[in-house]
Amino acid sequence: MSDIGFLNGRFMPLEQAMIPVEDRGFQFGDGVYEVLRTYRGVPYQLEAHLARLERSAQAIGLSMPYRVPEWREFVKEGIRLGGHDESKVYIQVTRGVAPRDHAFPAAASSTVVMTIRAMKPLSQVLRETGVGVIMMEDLRWGRCDIKSVNLLPNVMAKQRAQEAGAFEAIFVRDGLVTEGAVSNVMVVRGGVLATAPEGERILSGVTRSVVLALARQEGVTVQEQAVSLEELRRADEVFLTGTTVEILAVVRLGGAPIGTGRPGELTGLLSARFRASLG
């Protein structure tokens, strides 16, 4: 088992994968990315992740260097070469290498980086007891629907959460909950599941879509609409969704309990349905 790097069509040990200083991803954050994982060695929702990568690239005027069948084979080959029981795959596409200038270069080839590492699942204790979160003002740029490599606000929010002894930081903009630094946020009140709607203020997660579909299959009323900070505080249940967190109960908000202070019934039901959907 080893960590694998991929750079512009070539696989190599991860430590050998290097890019030039003038790559625009390094200089400007001029690029997009995706993160996916495997279950039983099979990449989960690969087509959905690749489709979102394509949408993000189109949104910043970045031409994709590979077609979907090629991406699919590269991902599967990287997973095979890594040999991990379960893998986490990171894909990044930048506008490439060019002399530093803000305007798009007249001629540059995209840089494609992929890393394949062992997927380390969250501890079962966290899943059983739930986690705490903090709130932060959402000062990110206006196109959060683009999975851009510009993640400094998310990095700072995650660091603030860690310093506060919390698992995640939840962003609030104009009194409304948007999403977490690395997750989407779901709120349950009176048996109704609410979450911020798709749009430019959130990155609509692949797991988010799966969980909402599972909830509807269970006959749960789903509202994709704005959730206020006060509604979050008064919720019966809150949980996070994401590729690495899956479905994770939130039981404390800034030190105050959410609901009973324990993972809720709907959170448990959807977690069970999610696990069952994996086959």
Foldseek 3Di string as FASTA:
>chain_A
DAKWKDKPHDIDGPVPDDADCQFCCNVPLAKFKFKWKDDQLHTPPLVVRVVLRVVLCVVSVHDDPDDPVVVRVVVSVNSVVHPASMKMKMKMKGLAGDPDDPDRDPDGDIIIMMMIDHQDADDVVQQFFFWAEEEDEDPDDQQQQRRTSPLVVLVVQCVVCVVVVTRWYWYDYPQWTAAISAWFKWFAAPQAIEGAADDRRHHCAPLNVVLVVVCVVVVGHYYHHTDGPVSRQATLWMWTDHNRNHTTTHQHYSRHGRRPSGHDDVSVVSVVVVVVVSD
